Amino acid sequence: MTGTALTEEQEFRDIYALDVVEVPTNEPVVRKDLQDAVYKTKKEKYEAVVEAVRKAHEKGQPVLVGTITIETSELLSKMLNKAGIQHNVLNAKFHEQEAEIVAEAGKHGAVTIATNMAGRGTDIKLDEEARAAGGLKIVGTERHESRRIDNQLRGRSGRQGDPGESKFYISLEDDLMRLFGSERLISMFNTLGIPEGQEIEHKALTKAIESAQKRIEENNFGIRKNLLEYDAVNNEQREIIYKERRRVLDGESLRDNIYKMITDIVEESIDTVIGDGQNIDDWDLKELNELLLPTVPLKPVTRGRITKKSKDGLKQQLKEEAVALYEEKETEFPEAETIREIERVILLKVIDRKWMDHIDDMDQLRQGIGLQAYGQRDPKVEYKMAGYDMFNEMMAGIKEDTVRLLFHVHVQEKVEREQVAKVTGTNKDDSAKKAPVKRAAVKIRPNDLCPCGSGKKYKNCHGAQGGVE
C-alpha cells in the first residue's frame, strides 16, 4: 500500500500533515514492467490486447486484463469469445465470488478480465506451471488518470518475489490522450505513414503519458485542497452551531440565554436607530418602534414615557420592561418546566431552519466566488469574509426569531367536550328513553299524483314549486 501511496506523497503532507514512508518489499521484485504500447485507434489497441492474451494463453501463462469501465470489460469479453479463449469477467458486482475467482487467476492458463475495483485485496497465487510460463501477465487496456491506480494493477503481479510482467496498451483516442494533445501525435503518425495495427513503443512516449497523468493528479489535488480550505470556513461555523444544538438537546436550562437574547435585541435596536451623543429631540422613535416592537411587544416608546433622557438610560429602561414582560409571560404557564421545554423546542427548530438556509446560501456563495479573481482578489479570502458576515447575520436571525416566537406563544386551554345526548326520564330501562320522532303526514313521492287535485304528477306541480302549503 505504501508503494501506491508514494505518488500522492505531496497531498498527504500538505492536507493531512503526514509523511509517506515506502516500506520495502519482503522479496526483491522480479516482475518486468514493459514500455507502453501506443496505437492510433481504440480498435487497433483492443485487437492487440486480444492477440497478446492469445499468445500468453497458448503457452499457459495466466493473464489478468485490467479495464477502467464495465463497457470495456464486456467488449473484450466478446472479442475473446470470438477468438475461442475461455475466461472470467469480473466487474465488482459480486464481491465474495470475485475474490475467490481472482485468487485463482494465477493458475496455469487462466484468463481474467477485471475492472479496477474487482477482487481488490486478494492475493493471486501462482501454481508451478504458471511460474514456469513466466508468472502472471498484467495487461492494462488504458492508463488511468491516477498513476496510483495503474501501480495497483501492476502490483497484482510479482508478489513475494514471483515472476511476472505488466504492459499497458494505449490508443490516441483514449480520454487521457485526448486531454493532452493527441492531435499532434496523430499528425505525427500520419506523417510517418505508420500502417494500421502498428505498435509504437518508446520511452519518450511512456514519459509523456506519465507526465500527463501527473498534471491531472496535480489538478485534482488542487481541487481537493481548494475544497478543504473552503470547507474549513464552514467547519468553524458548524462547530459553533452544533455546540449550541448540543446544549439544547442535553436539556440545559436556557432561561439566562433567553434573557440575554432579549436584552441584546433591545440594545441592538436602540444602537441601530439612535447615534451616540444624539439629542433626544432627534431620536426617531417611530423607526425604533417599527424595529423593536414586532419582536419584543412593549408599549410604544414615546418621549413622554422615557424616564431618563439619555441613550444609556433608554436602554436600561427598555431592557427592564422587556425582562418584566417575559417574566409575565412565564406566569401564564402553570409549571415552570413547561416554559423551559417550550424554549428548548423553539430554539432548536429556529437553529435547524436557519442553519439549513445558511448552508444553501454558503453553497451559492462558493459557486460564484471564483469571479472575484477577475478583480485581482483572492476568492478564498473573499469567501471567508463574506461567510463570516453571513454567519453573523444568521446568528442575529436565530436570536430575533426565537425571542419573537417566545413572546407570542400562548397557552391553549384544554376544553372538555360536553355531553350532547342526554337521557330523559327517571327509569334506566329502554322505555324511559326518548322515542324517535315519527312523520305526521304521508310522504309524497315525485311520481305520485299531486294532492291539490290537478291530476298532474307531484314533481310537475306543487313539487316543482317547493311543496303543498
Protein backbone atom coordinates (compact mmCIF):
# COMPACT_ATOMS: atom_id res chain seq x y z
CA MET A 1 0.00 0.00 0.00
CA THR A 2 2.80 2.42 0.77
CA GLY A 3 4.13 1.86 -2.73
CA THR A 4 0.95 3.20 -4.31
CA ALA A 5 0.69 5.98 -1.70
CA LEU A 6 4.09 7.33 -2.76
CA THR A 7 2.66 9.11 -5.83
CA GLU A 8 0.28 11.02 -3.50
CA GLU A 9 3.06 11.99 -1.07
CA GLN A 10 2.60 15.74 -1.60
CA GLU A 11 -1.13 15.57 -0.87
CA PHE A 12 -0.64 13.53 2.30
CA ARG A 13 1.89 16.07 3.51
CA ASP A 14 0.02 19.28 2.56
CA ILE A 15 -3.51 18.27 3.59
CA TYR A 16 -3.08 15.69 6.35
CA ALA A 17 0.43 16.66 7.65
CA LEU A 18 1.53 13.03 7.17
CA ASP A 19 4.79 11.74 5.73
CA VAL A 20 4.83 8.73 3.43
CA VAL A 21 7.48 6.08 4.01
CA GLU A 22 7.77 3.40 1.36
CA VAL A 23 8.05 0.03 3.08
CA PRO A 24 10.48 -2.18 1.11
CA THR A 25 9.12 -5.43 -0.32
CA ASN A 26 9.71 -8.66 1.57
CA GLU A 27 11.33 -10.24 -1.52
CA PRO A 28 13.04 -8.47 -4.46
CA VAL A 29 10.63 -7.62 -7.29
CA VAL A 30 11.48 -9.56 -10.45
CA ARG A 31 8.38 -8.53 -12.41
CA LYS A 32 9.13 -7.00 -15.83
CA ASP A 33 7.32 -3.67 -16.32
CA LEU A 34 7.38 -3.18 -20.10
CA GLN A 35 7.07 0.10 -22.01
CA ASP A 36 3.56 1.19 -23.01
CA ALA A 37 2.35 0.15 -26.46
CA VAL A 38 0.65 3.04 -28.30
CA TYR A 39 -1.81 2.61 -31.18
CA LYS A 40 -3.63 5.10 -33.34
CA THR A 41 -7.20 3.91 -32.66
CA LYS A 42 -9.06 2.02 -29.92
CA LYS A 43 -9.98 -0.72 -32.42
CA GLU A 44 -6.29 -1.42 -33.12
CA LYS A 45 -5.50 -1.34 -29.42
CA TYR A 46 -8.19 -3.88 -28.45
CA GLU A 47 -7.13 -6.20 -31.26
CA ALA A 48 -3.54 -6.01 -29.96
CA VAL A 49 -4.77 -6.80 -26.41
CA VAL A 50 -6.62 -9.90 -27.63
CA GLU A 51 -3.54 -11.01 -29.57
CA ALA A 52 -1.30 -10.55 -26.50
CA VAL A 53 -3.76 -12.60 -24.40
CA ARG A 54 -3.88 -15.34 -27.08
CA LYS A 55 -0.08 -15.68 -27.19
CA ALA A 56 0.22 -15.86 -23.41
CA HIS A 57 -2.68 -18.32 -23.18
CA GLU A 58 -1.09 -20.63 -25.77
CA LYS A 59 1.98 -21.10 -23.57
CA GLY A 60 -0.11 -21.46 -20.40
CA GLN A 61 0.82 -18.11 -18.87
CA PRO A 62 -2.03 -16.71 -16.70
CA VAL A 63 -3.32 -13.29 -17.78
CA LEU A 64 -5.15 -10.56 -15.85
CA VAL A 65 -6.66 -7.90 -18.12
CA GLY A 66 -7.36 -4.65 -16.24
CA THR A 67 -10.08 -2.28 -17.51
CA ILE A 68 -11.35 1.10 -16.33
CA THR A 69 -15.01 0.60 -17.31
CA ILE A 70 -17.52 -2.26 -17.37
CA GLU A 71 -18.24 -1.47 -21.05
CA THR A 72 -14.62 -2.18 -21.97
CA SER A 73 -14.72 -5.45 -19.98
CA GLU A 74 -17.79 -6.60 -21.91
CA LEU A 75 -16.33 -5.60 -25.28
CA LEU A 76 -13.08 -7.52 -24.65
CA SER A 77 -15.08 -10.50 -23.37
CA LYS A 78 -16.95 -10.67 -26.70
CA MET A 79 -13.67 -10.43 -28.62
CA LEU A 80 -12.07 -13.21 -26.52
CA ASN A 81 -15.14 -15.42 -27.01
CA LYS A 82 -14.82 -14.87 -30.74
CA ALA A 83 -11.17 -15.91 -30.51
CA GLY A 84 -12.20 -19.05 -28.58
CA ILE A 85 -10.38 -18.11 -25.36
CA GLN A 86 -12.13 -19.19 -22.17
CA HIS A 87 -12.07 -16.50 -19.46
CA ASN A 88 -13.76 -14.96 -16.40
CA VAL A 89 -15.19 -11.42 -16.33
CA LEU A 90 -15.27 -9.51 -13.04
CA ASN A 91 -16.79 -6.05 -12.64
CA ALA A 92 -17.17 -5.58 -8.86
CA LYS A 93 -20.81 -6.69 -8.82
CA PHE A 94 -20.39 -9.89 -6.76
CA HIS A 95 -17.58 -9.24 -4.28
CA GLU A 96 -17.40 -12.61 -2.49
CA GLN A 97 -17.36 -14.76 -5.65
CA GLU A 98 -14.95 -12.36 -7.34
CA ALA A 99 -12.44 -12.61 -4.50
CA GLU A 100 -12.41 -16.39 -4.99
CA ILE A 101 -12.07 -16.09 -8.79
CA VAL A 102 -9.22 -13.53 -8.51
CA ALA A 103 -7.40 -15.83 -6.08
CA GLU A 104 -7.47 -18.49 -8.84
CA ALA A 105 -6.34 -16.05 -11.57
CA GLY A 106 -2.71 -17.16 -11.17
CA LYS A 107 -3.36 -20.75 -12.23
CA HIS A 108 -1.85 -22.20 -15.40
CA GLY A 109 -3.81 -20.97 -18.48
CA ALA A 110 -6.27 -18.75 -16.55
CA VAL A 111 -7.55 -15.59 -18.28
CA THR A 112 -9.37 -12.99 -16.16
CA ILE A 113 -10.85 -9.62 -17.14
CA ALA A 114 -11.34 -7.31 -14.16
CA THR A 115 -12.25 -3.68 -13.52
CA ASN A 116 -10.03 -1.82 -11.07
CA MET A 117 -12.39 -2.43 -8.14
CA ALA A 118 -12.98 -6.15 -8.72
CA GLY A 119 -11.44 -8.55 -6.20
CA ARG A 120 -9.17 -5.96 -4.59
CA GLY A 121 -7.25 -7.04 -1.52
CA THR A 122 -6.98 -10.65 -2.70
CA ASP A 123 -3.58 -12.31 -3.21
CA ILE A 124 -3.15 -14.03 -6.57
CA LYS A 125 -1.10 -17.19 -6.03
CA LEU A 126 0.77 -18.93 -8.86
CA ASP A 127 0.99 -22.68 -9.37
CA GLU A 128 4.27 -24.24 -10.55
CA GLU A 129 3.25 -24.45 -14.22
CA ALA A 130 2.22 -20.76 -14.23
CA ARG A 131 5.51 -19.79 -12.58
CA ALA A 132 7.44 -21.71 -15.23
CA ALA A 133 5.44 -19.99 -18.01
CA GLY A 134 6.59 -16.54 -16.83
CA GLY A 135 4.18 -15.77 -13.97
CA LEU A 136 1.09 -13.59 -14.06
CA LYS A 137 0.88 -11.28 -17.09
CA ILE A 138 -0.85 -7.94 -16.43
CA VAL A 139 -2.46 -6.28 -19.46
CA GLY A 140 -3.69 -2.71 -18.87
CA THR A 141 -6.19 -1.61 -21.50
CA GLU A 142 -5.93 2.09 -20.67
CA ARG A 143 -3.95 4.45 -18.48
CA HIS A 144 -5.97 5.82 -15.57
CA GLU A 145 -5.90 9.49 -14.60
CA SER A 146 -4.05 8.47 -11.43
CA ARG A 147 -0.70 6.67 -11.53
CA ARG A 148 -1.56 5.16 -8.16
CA ILE A 149 -4.36 3.05 -9.68
CA ASP A 150 -2.11 1.88 -12.53
CA ASN A 151 0.52 0.89 -9.96
CA GLN A 152 -2.11 -1.06 -8.03
CA LEU A 153 -2.92 -3.03 -11.18
CA ARG A 154 0.77 -3.74 -11.83
CA GLY A 155 1.21 -4.74 -8.19
CA ARG A 156 -1.16 -7.68 -8.57
CA SER A 157 1.69 -9.47 -10.31
CA GLY A 158 5.20 -10.22 -8.99
CA ARG A 159 4.19 -10.58 -5.35
CA GLN A 160 6.61 -12.13 -2.82
CA GLY A 161 9.36 -12.50 -5.43
CA ASP A 162 7.13 -14.25 -8.01
CA PRO A 163 7.91 -13.80 -11.72
CA GLY A 164 5.51 -11.74 -13.85
CA GLU A 165 5.19 -8.93 -16.34
CA SER A 166 3.00 -5.90 -17.00
CA LYS A 167 2.24 -3.81 -20.05
CA PHE A 168 -0.24 -1.06 -20.84
CA TYR A 169 -1.93 -0.72 -24.21
CA ILE A 170 -2.96 2.82 -25.16
CA SER A 171 -4.63 4.48 -28.15
CA LEU A 172 -4.60 8.13 -29.19
CA GLU A 173 -8.43 8.03 -28.83
CA ASP A 174 -8.24 7.33 -25.08
CA ASP A 175 -9.63 10.07 -22.81
CA LEU A 176 -6.26 10.70 -21.16
CA MET A 177 -4.51 11.14 -24.53
CA ARG A 178 -7.21 13.41 -25.94
CA LEU A 179 -6.84 15.69 -22.90
CA PHE A 180 -3.15 16.22 -23.63
CA GLY A 181 -2.59 16.89 -27.28
CA SER A 182 -3.27 13.62 -29.07
CA GLU A 183 -3.91 15.66 -32.28
CA ARG A 184 -0.16 16.36 -32.53
CA LEU A 185 0.64 12.66 -32.10
CA ILE A 186 -2.00 11.66 -34.67
CA SER A 187 -0.41 14.12 -37.08
CA MET A 188 2.99 12.51 -36.39
CA PHE A 189 1.52 9.00 -37.01
CA ASN A 190 0.10 10.16 -40.34
CA THR A 191 3.32 11.93 -41.35
CA LEU A 192 5.42 8.83 -40.65
CA GLY A 193 2.92 6.72 -42.62
CA ILE A 194 2.58 4.14 -39.82
CA PRO A 195 0.33 1.32 -41.07
CA GLU A 196 -2.85 0.24 -39.23
CA GLY A 197 -2.18 -2.07 -36.29
CA GLN A 198 1.44 -0.96 -35.94
CA GLU A 199 2.59 -0.59 -32.35
CA ILE A 200 4.79 2.29 -31.27
CA GLU A 201 6.87 1.69 -28.18
CA HIS A 202 9.22 4.38 -26.92
CA LYS A 203 10.48 5.64 -23.56
CA ALA A 204 9.66 9.22 -24.53
CA LEU A 205 6.00 8.28 -25.15
CA THR A 206 5.74 6.49 -21.79
CA LYS A 207 7.27 9.51 -20.04
CA ALA A 208 4.86 11.85 -21.86
CA ILE A 209 1.90 9.74 -20.70
CA GLU A 210 3.14 9.68 -17.11
CA SER A 211 3.65 13.45 -17.30
CA ALA A 212 0.02 13.85 -18.44
CA GLN A 213 -1.11 11.70 -15.50
CA LYS A 214 0.96 13.79 -13.12
CA ARG A 215 -0.62 17.00 -14.38
CA ILE A 216 -4.13 15.58 -13.89
CA GLU A 217 -3.19 14.40 -10.39
CA GLU A 218 -1.93 17.91 -9.59
CA ASN A 219 -5.18 19.43 -10.91
CA ASN A 220 -7.27 17.02 -8.84
CA PHE A 221 -5.08 17.67 -5.79
CA GLY A 222 -5.58 21.43 -6.28
CA ILE A 223 -9.36 20.95 -6.45
CA ARG A 224 -9.41 18.83 -3.28
CA LYS A 225 -7.14 21.27 -1.44
CA ASN A 226 -9.33 24.18 -2.52
CA LEU A 227 -12.45 22.38 -1.29
CA LEU A 228 -10.74 21.64 2.01
CA GLU A 229 -9.83 25.30 2.51
CA TYR A 230 -13.37 26.39 1.70
CA ASP A 231 -14.79 23.70 3.98
CA ALA A 232 -12.53 24.88 6.83
CA VAL A 233 -14.66 28.06 6.93
CA ASN A 234 -17.87 26.00 7.05
CA ASN A 235 -16.39 23.69 9.67
CA GLU A 236 -15.69 26.52 12.13
CA GLN A 237 -19.29 27.65 11.78
CA ARG A 238 -20.54 24.06 12.02
CA GLU A 239 -18.78 23.56 15.35
CA ILE A 240 -20.40 26.68 16.83
CA ILE A 241 -23.90 25.68 15.68
CA TYR A 242 -23.56 22.05 16.79
CA LYS A 243 -22.33 23.20 20.20
CA GLU A 244 -25.49 25.31 20.57
CA ARG A 245 -27.69 22.40 19.44
CA ARG A 246 -25.96 20.06 21.88
CA ARG A 247 -26.71 22.41 24.80
CA VAL A 248 -30.39 22.43 23.82
CA LEU A 249 -30.54 18.64 23.34
CA ASP A 250 -28.79 17.98 26.64
CA GLY A 251 -31.68 19.69 28.41
CA GLU A 252 -29.77 22.64 29.87
CA SER A 253 -31.88 25.50 31.23
CA LEU A 254 -31.92 28.23 28.61
CA ARG A 255 -33.56 30.89 30.81
CA ASP A 256 -30.40 33.01 31.16
CA ASN A 257 -29.67 32.68 27.43
CA ILE A 258 -33.18 33.81 26.51
CA TYR A 259 -32.93 36.81 28.84
CA LYS A 260 -29.60 37.76 27.25
CA MET A 261 -31.15 37.44 23.77
CA ILE A 262 -33.96 39.79 24.83
CA THR A 263 -31.64 42.46 26.26
CA ASP A 264 -29.28 42.14 23.25
CA ILE A 265 -32.15 42.79 20.83
CA VAL A 266 -33.23 45.88 22.81
CA GLU A 267 -29.66 47.24 22.81
CA GLU A 268 -29.03 46.47 19.13
CA SER A 269 -32.33 48.10 18.09
CA ILE A 270 -31.50 51.30 20.01
CA ASP A 271 -27.92 51.34 18.62
CA THR A 272 -29.29 50.96 15.07
CA VAL A 273 -31.69 53.91 15.36
CA ILE A 274 -30.03 56.30 17.82
CA GLY A 275 -26.48 57.57 17.38
CA ASP A 276 -24.08 58.22 20.25
CA GLY A 277 -24.43 61.76 21.64
CA GLN A 278 -27.61 62.37 19.65
CA ASN A 279 -30.10 64.76 21.29
CA ILE A 280 -33.43 63.25 22.46
CA ASP A 281 -35.33 65.58 20.16
CA ASP A 282 -33.57 63.99 17.19
CA TRP A 283 -34.39 60.39 18.18
CA ASP A 284 -36.51 58.64 15.54
CA LEU A 285 -38.85 56.80 17.92
CA LYS A 286 -41.17 55.74 15.08
CA GLU A 287 -38.35 53.79 13.45
CA LEU A 288 -37.36 52.33 16.85
CA ASN A 289 -40.92 51.11 17.46
CA GLU A 290 -41.12 49.60 13.96
CA LEU A 291 -37.82 47.80 14.51
CA LEU A 292 -38.26 46.61 18.11
CA LEU A 293 -41.97 46.05 18.81
CA PRO A 294 -42.63 43.21 16.28
CA THR A 295 -40.04 41.16 18.20
CA VAL A 296 -40.47 42.46 21.77
CA PRO A 297 -44.11 43.63 22.14
CA LEU A 298 -43.53 46.53 24.57
CA LYS A 299 -45.80 49.54 24.83
CA PRO A 300 -44.92 52.00 22.05
CA VAL A 301 -41.95 54.18 23.01
CA THR A 302 -42.87 57.88 23.22
CA ARG A 303 -40.88 60.81 24.54
CA GLY A 304 -43.45 61.26 27.29
CA ARG A 305 -42.77 57.88 28.87
CA ILE A 306 -38.96 57.96 28.66
CA THR A 307 -37.73 58.37 32.26
CA LYS A 308 -34.06 59.03 31.54
CA LYS A 309 -33.25 61.38 28.68
CA SER A 310 -30.06 59.59 27.57
CA LYS A 311 -29.35 56.71 25.20
CA ASP A 312 -27.97 54.51 28.01
CA GLY A 313 -30.94 55.44 30.19
CA LEU A 314 -33.35 54.42 27.42
CA LYS A 315 -31.51 51.12 27.02
CA GLN A 316 -31.77 50.41 30.74
CA GLN A 317 -35.47 51.32 30.87
CA LEU A 318 -36.49 49.22 27.85
CA LYS A 319 -34.37 46.23 28.94
CA GLU A 320 -36.09 46.25 32.33
CA GLU A 321 -39.50 46.50 30.66
CA ALA A 322 -38.66 43.65 28.25
CA VAL A 323 -37.45 41.37 31.06
CA ALA A 324 -40.54 42.15 33.14
CA LEU A 325 -42.73 41.39 30.11
CA TYR A 326 -41.07 38.00 29.67
CA GLU A 327 -41.45 37.22 33.38
CA GLU A 328 -45.14 37.99 32.95
CA LYS A 329 -45.22 35.59 30.00
CA GLU A 330 -43.68 32.87 32.21
CA THR A 331 -46.53 33.21 34.74
CA GLU A 332 -49.05 32.24 32.04
CA PHE A 333 -47.73 28.67 32.28
CA PRO A 334 -48.81 26.67 35.34
CA GLU A 335 -45.45 24.90 35.68
CA ALA A 336 -42.02 26.46 35.26
CA GLU A 337 -40.71 23.42 33.37
CA THR A 338 -43.34 23.94 30.66
CA ILE A 339 -41.88 27.27 29.53
CA ARG A 340 -38.35 25.82 29.79
CA GLU A 341 -39.35 22.98 27.43
CA ILE A 342 -41.01 25.46 25.04
CA GLU A 343 -37.78 27.48 25.00
CA ARG A 344 -35.79 24.36 24.03
CA VAL A 345 -38.21 23.31 21.28
CA ILE A 346 -38.46 26.77 19.72
CA LEU A 347 -34.71 27.45 19.83
CA LEU A 348 -33.90 24.04 18.31
CA LYS A 349 -36.35 24.50 15.44
CA VAL A 350 -35.13 28.02 14.71
CA ILE A 351 -31.47 26.92 14.75
CA ASP A 352 -32.14 24.00 12.38
CA ARG A 353 -34.15 26.08 9.91
CA LYS A 354 -31.68 28.97 9.87
CA TRP A 355 -28.67 26.62 9.59
CA MET A 356 -30.15 24.77 6.59
CA ASP A 357 -30.83 28.05 4.83
CA HIS A 358 -27.30 29.22 5.68
CA ILE A 359 -25.75 26.07 4.17
CA ASP A 360 -27.63 26.73 0.92
CA ASP A 361 -26.52 30.38 0.94
CA MET A 362 -22.88 29.37 1.52
CA ASP A 363 -23.09 26.91 -1.37
CA GLN A 364 -24.42 29.67 -3.66
CA LEU A 365 -21.62 31.95 -2.45
CA ARG A 366 -18.96 29.35 -3.24
CA GLN A 367 -20.27 28.80 -6.77
CA GLY A 368 -19.92 32.48 -7.64
CA ILE A 369 -16.89 33.46 -5.56
CA GLY A 370 -14.42 32.48 -8.29
CA LEU A 371 -15.40 35.63 -10.19
CA GLN A 372 -13.55 37.64 -7.52
CA ALA A 373 -10.29 36.53 -9.16
CA TYR A 374 -11.11 38.77 -12.14
CA GLY A 375 -10.97 41.74 -9.77
CA GLN A 376 -7.49 40.70 -8.57
CA ARG A 377 -8.92 39.43 -5.26
CA ASP A 378 -8.23 36.09 -3.61
CA PRO A 379 -11.53 34.11 -3.83
CA LYS A 380 -10.74 32.16 -0.63
CA VAL A 381 -10.18 35.35 1.39
CA GLU A 382 -13.36 36.90 -0.04
CA TYR A 383 -15.29 33.69 0.72
CA LYS A 384 -14.04 33.70 4.31
CA MET A 385 -15.02 37.37 4.85
CA ALA A 386 -18.44 37.05 3.18
CA GLY A 387 -19.10 33.77 5.03
CA TYR A 388 -18.25 35.44 8.34
CA ASP A 389 -20.74 38.25 7.67
CA MET A 390 -23.44 35.79 6.60
CA PHE A 391 -22.87 33.69 9.72
CA ASN A 392 -23.26 36.74 11.96
CA GLU A 393 -26.49 37.62 10.16
CA MET A 394 -27.73 34.06 10.69
CA MET A 395 -26.93 34.17 14.42
CA ALA A 396 -28.77 37.51 14.71
CA GLY A 397 -31.72 35.96 12.87
CA ILE A 398 -31.77 32.99 15.28
CA LYS A 399 -31.86 35.38 18.23
CA GLU A 400 -34.62 37.53 16.72
CA ASP A 401 -36.88 34.65 15.62
CA THR A 402 -36.52 32.83 18.94
CA VAL A 403 -37.43 35.90 21.03
CA ARG A 404 -40.35 36.85 18.78
CA LEU A 405 -41.84 33.34 18.91
CA LEU A 406 -41.44 33.08 22.70
CA PHE A 407 -43.16 36.43 23.31
CA HIS A 408 -46.08 35.41 21.09
CA VAL A 409 -46.56 31.84 22.33
CA HIS A 410 -49.87 31.24 24.17
CA VAL A 411 -51.27 28.61 26.50
CA GLN A 412 -54.05 26.65 24.84
CA GLU A 413 -56.58 25.58 27.47
CA LYS A 414 -57.99 22.10 27.22
CA VAL A 415 -61.72 22.35 26.54
CA GLU A 416 -63.70 19.37 27.82
CA ARG A 417 -66.31 18.03 25.39
CA GLU A 418 -69.79 18.40 26.87
CA GLN A 419 -72.24 15.54 26.70
CA VAL A 420 -74.58 16.28 23.81
CA ALA A 421 -77.09 13.44 24.10
CA LYS A 422 -78.86 13.22 27.45
CA VAL A 423 -81.14 10.51 28.75
CA THR A 424 -84.57 11.77 29.81
CA GLY A 425 -86.86 10.31 32.48
CA THR A 426 -86.01 8.61 35.73
CA ASN A 427 -86.10 4.95 34.70
CA LYS A 428 -82.97 3.23 33.38
CA ASP A 429 -84.82 0.82 31.04
CA ASP A 430 -85.30 1.40 27.29
CA SER A 431 -88.89 2.62 27.76
CA ALA A 432 -87.59 5.66 29.66
CA LYS A 433 -85.52 6.83 26.67
CA LYS A 434 -86.84 9.44 24.30
CA ALA A 435 -88.77 7.77 21.44
CA PRO A 436 -87.81 8.52 17.82
CA VAL A 437 -89.76 11.30 16.07
CA LYS A 438 -92.41 9.99 13.64
CA ARG A 439 -93.55 11.76 10.46
CA ALA A 440 -97.12 13.05 10.86
CA ALA A 441 -98.02 13.44 7.16
CA VAL A 442 -97.86 10.78 4.46
CA LYS A 443 -94.74 11.08 2.32
CA ILE A 444 -95.46 12.17 -1.26
CA ARG A 445 -93.17 10.69 -3.91
CA PRO A 446 -92.22 12.68 -7.07
CA ASN A 447 -94.29 10.47 -9.43
CA ASP A 448 -97.43 10.39 -7.20
CA LEU A 449 -100.46 12.47 -8.15
CA CYS A 450 -100.35 15.91 -6.62
CA PRO A 451 -102.69 16.20 -3.55
CA CYS A 452 -104.05 19.52 -4.91
CA GLY A 453 -106.28 17.59 -7.35
CA SER A 454 -104.78 18.98 -10.57
CA GLY A 455 -104.25 15.49 -11.97
CA LYS A 456 -100.56 16.20 -12.57
CA LYS A 457 -97.60 14.35 -11.05
CA TYR A 458 -96.37 15.95 -7.84
CA LYS A 459 -92.91 16.68 -9.37
CA ASN A 460 -94.56 18.65 -12.22
CA CYS A 461 -97.00 20.54 -9.98
CA HIS A 462 -96.51 21.64 -6.37
CA GLY A 463 -93.30 19.55 -6.12
CA ALA A 464 -91.67 21.90 -8.62
CA GLN A 465 -92.94 24.90 -6.61
CA GLY A 466 -91.50 23.74 -3.27
CA GLY A 467 -94.35 21.57 -1.93
CA VAL A 468 -98.03 21.78 -0.93
CA GLU A 469 -98.86 24.51 1.57
